[in-house]
Amino acid sequence: MRYKVTFVVGLALGYVLGTRAGRERYEQMKKSAREIAQNPAVRNAAESAGHTGREYAGKAFAAVGDKVGNAVPASLAGRVRGLRDRAGGGSEDEWGTSNT
């Protein structure tokens, strides 16, 4: 019985210390990720990638639309047209980021 109690106490102590250390490491990683995301170079690269993606999506839609014709659902056609229109302008998208 004494060994069982000692084992359970050791297990509980290890769990508490391990979760505290794990939480500290999690907070450290979260802080690093936030710093990276706020880096202007990273933000510019992400914005550029988004712009390029929207541009290629518009081109792909046009190419597929020419081959498929009216078989593309209207909801998809409207969404891609909206993306293509926004890629050319300086407006904000639905997430509040600029497309310039």
C-alpha atoms as a PDB file:
ATOM      1  CA  MET A   1       0.000   0.000   0.000  1.00  0.00           C
ATOM      2  CA  ARG A   2       2.836   2.371   0.848  1.00  0.00           C
ATOM      3  CA  TYR A   3       4.381   1.897  -2.605  1.00  0.00           C
ATOM      4  CA  LYS A   4       1.082   2.613  -4.318  1.00  0.00           C
ATOM      5  CA  VAL A   5       0.682   5.885  -2.415  1.00  0.00           C
ATOM      6  CA  THR A   6       4.287   6.848  -3.161  1.00  0.00           C
ATOM      7  CA  PHE A   7       3.746   6.046  -6.825  1.00  0.00           C
ATOM      8  CA  VAL A   8       0.527   8.081  -7.022  1.00  0.00           C
ATOM      9  CA  VAL A   9       2.156  11.056  -5.244  1.00  0.00           C
ATOM     10  CA  GLY A  10       5.148  10.866  -7.607  1.00  0.00           C
ATOM     11  CA  LEU A  11       2.834  10.624 -10.598  1.00  0.00           C
ATOM     12  CA  ALA A  12       0.840  13.659  -9.454  1.00  0.00           C
ATOM     13  CA  LEU A  13       3.993  15.664  -8.755  1.00  0.00           C
ATOM     14  CA  GLY A  14       5.451  14.772 -12.163  1.00  0.00           C
ATOM     15  CA  TYR A  15       2.181  15.725 -13.863  1.00  0.00           C
ATOM     16  CA  VAL A  16       2.039  19.125 -12.156  1.00  0.00           C
ATOM     17  CA  LEU A  17       5.689  19.937 -12.890  1.00  0.00           C
ATOM     18  CA  GLY A  18       5.418  18.660 -16.456  1.00  0.00           C
ATOM     19  CA  THR A  19       2.312  20.664 -17.254  1.00  0.00           C
ATOM     20  CA  ARG A  20       3.848  23.813 -15.812  1.00  0.00           C
ATOM     21  CA  ALA A  21       6.987  23.349 -17.919  1.00  0.00           C
ATOM     22  CA  GLY A  22       4.847  22.519 -20.934  1.00  0.00           C
ATOM     23  CA  ARG A  23       2.754  25.619 -20.438  1.00  0.00           C
ATOM     24  CA  GLU A  24       5.849  27.810 -20.222  1.00  0.00           C
ATOM     25  CA  ARG A  25       7.196  26.307 -23.441  1.00  0.00           C
ATOM     26  CA  TYR A  26       3.810  26.818 -25.107  1.00  0.00           C
ATOM     27  CA  GLU A  27       3.764  30.483 -24.069  1.00  0.00           C
ATOM     28  CA  GLN A  28       7.311  30.896 -25.388  1.00  0.00           C
ATOM     29  CA  MET A  29       6.386  29.385 -28.764  1.00  0.00           C
ATOM     30  CA  LYS A  30       3.231  31.509 -28.930  1.00  0.00           C
ATOM     31  CA  LYS A  31       5.271  34.669 -28.288  1.00  0.00           C
ATOM     32  CA  SER A  32       7.781  33.704 -30.992  1.00  0.00           C
ATOM     33  CA  ALA A  33       5.000  33.021 -33.496  1.00  0.00           C
ATOM     34  CA  ARG A  34       3.403  36.384 -32.728  1.00  0.00           C
ATOM     35  CA  GLU A  35       6.728  38.180 -33.231  1.00  0.00           C
ATOM     36  CA  ILE A  36       7.271  36.429 -36.557  1.00  0.00           C
ATOM     37  CA  ALA A  37       3.737  37.239 -37.724  1.00  0.00           C
ATOM     38  CA  GLN A  38       4.211  40.916 -36.874  1.00  0.00           C
ATOM     39  CA  ASN A  39       7.482  41.140 -38.804  1.00  0.00           C
ATOM     40  CA  PRO A  40       6.943  43.529 -41.763  1.00  0.00           C
ATOM     41  CA  ALA A  41       8.870  41.286 -44.153  1.00  0.00           C
ATOM     42  CA  VAL A  42       6.663  38.303 -43.291  1.00  0.00           C
ATOM     43  CA  ARG A  43       3.497  40.382 -43.596  1.00  0.00           C
ATOM     44  CA  ASN A  44       4.582  41.704 -47.008  1.00  0.00           C
ATOM     45  CA  ALA A  45       5.407  38.195 -48.224  1.00  0.00           C
ATOM     46  CA  ALA A  46       2.019  36.889 -47.057  1.00  0.00           C
ATOM     47  CA  GLU A  47       0.213  39.789 -48.709  1.00  0.00           C
ATOM     48  CA  SER A  48       2.139  39.261 -51.931  1.00  0.00           C
ATOM     49  CA  ALA A  49       1.351  35.535 -51.892  1.00  0.00           C
ATOM     50  CA  GLY A  50      -2.342  36.284 -51.351  1.00  0.00           C
ATOM     51  CA  HIS A  51      -2.383  38.759 -54.222  1.00  0.00           C
ATOM     52  CA  THR A  52      -0.628  36.312 -56.527  1.00  0.00           C
ATOM     53  CA  GLY A  53      -3.015  33.540 -55.513  1.00  0.00           C
ATOM     54  CA  ARG A  54      -6.049  35.677 -56.298  1.00  0.00           C
ATOM     55  CA  GLU A  55      -4.519  36.641 -59.651  1.00  0.00           C
ATOM     56  CA  TYR A  56      -3.903  33.003 -60.620  1.00  0.00           C
ATOM     57  CA  ALA A  57      -7.363  31.978 -59.407  1.00  0.00           C
ATOM     58  CA  GLY A  58      -8.890  34.557 -61.740  1.00  0.00           C
ATOM     59  CA  LYS A  59      -6.797  33.356 -64.665  1.00  0.00           C
ATOM     60  CA  ALA A  60      -7.652  29.725 -63.924  1.00  0.00           C
ATOM     61  CA  PHE A  61     -11.341  30.550 -63.687  1.00  0.00           C
ATOM     62  CA  ALA A  62     -11.226  32.335 -67.034  1.00  0.00           C
ATOM     63  CA  ALA A  63      -9.438  29.410 -68.670  1.00  0.00           C
ATOM     64  CA  VAL A  64     -11.839  26.856 -67.220  1.00  0.00           C
ATOM     65  CA  GLY A  65     -14.818  29.070 -67.964  1.00  0.00           C
ATOM     66  CA  ASP A  66     -13.860  29.242 -71.628  1.00  0.00           C
ATOM     67  CA  LYS A  67     -13.688  25.442 -71.846  1.00  0.00           C
ATOM     68  CA  VAL A  68     -16.653  24.553 -69.617  1.00  0.00           C
ATOM     69  CA  GLY A  69     -18.998  27.379 -70.519  1.00  0.00           C
ATOM     70  CA  ASN A  70     -22.095  27.794 -68.366  1.00  0.00           C
ATOM     71  CA  ALA A  71     -21.505  24.595 -66.386  1.00  0.00           C
ATOM     72  CA  VAL A  72     -19.760  26.563 -63.590  1.00  0.00           C
ATOM     73  CA  PRO A  73     -22.220  27.249 -60.738  1.00  0.00           C
ATOM     74  CA  ALA A  74     -23.266  30.888 -60.434  1.00  0.00           C
ATOM     75  CA  SER A  75     -22.155  31.070 -56.796  1.00  0.00           C
ATOM     76  CA  LEU A  76     -18.615  30.039 -57.727  1.00  0.00           C
ATOM     77  CA  ALA A  77     -18.547  32.356 -60.716  1.00  0.00           C
ATOM     78  CA  GLY A  78     -19.599  35.318 -58.567  1.00  0.00           C
ATOM     79  CA  ARG A  79     -17.027  34.562 -55.892  1.00  0.00           C
ATOM     80  CA  VAL A  80     -14.126  34.295 -58.340  1.00  0.00           C
ATOM     81  CA  ARG A  81     -15.250  37.410 -60.216  1.00  0.00           C
ATOM     82  CA  GLY A  82     -15.296  39.239 -56.893  1.00  0.00           C
ATOM     83  CA  LEU A  83     -11.761  38.060 -56.134  1.00  0.00           C
ATOM     84  CA  ARG A  84     -10.567  39.143 -59.549  1.00  0.00           C
ATOM     85  CA  ASP A  85     -12.158  42.589 -59.141  1.00  0.00           C
ATOM     86  CA  ARG A  86     -10.599  43.088 -55.727  1.00  0.00           C
ATOM     87  CA  ALA A  87      -7.156  42.052 -56.929  1.00  0.00           C
ATOM     88  CA  GLY A  88      -7.058  45.053 -59.245  1.00  0.00           C
ATOM     89  CA  GLY A  89      -8.355  47.587 -56.711  1.00  0.00           C
ATOM     90  CA  GLY A  90      -7.073  48.845 -53.384  1.00  0.00           C
ATOM     91  CA  SER A  91     -10.123  47.782 -51.395  1.00  0.00           C
ATOM     92  CA  GLU A  92     -10.176  45.607 -48.306  1.00  0.00           C
ATOM     93  CA  ASP A  93     -11.267  41.997 -48.381  1.00  0.00           C
ATOM     94  CA  GLU A  94     -13.686  40.350 -45.935  1.00  0.00           C
ATOM     95  CA  TRP A  95     -10.849  39.811 -43.424  1.00  0.00           C
ATOM     96  CA  GLY A  96      -9.964  43.488 -43.322  1.00  0.00           C
ATOM     97  CA  THR A  97      -6.656  43.227 -45.149  1.00  0.00           C
ATOM     98  CA  SER A  98      -5.695  45.475 -48.005  1.00  0.00           C
ATOM     99  CA  ASN A  99      -5.202  44.085 -51.505  1.00  0.00           C
ATOM    100  CA  THR A 100      -2.766  46.710 -52.757  1.00  0.00           C
END
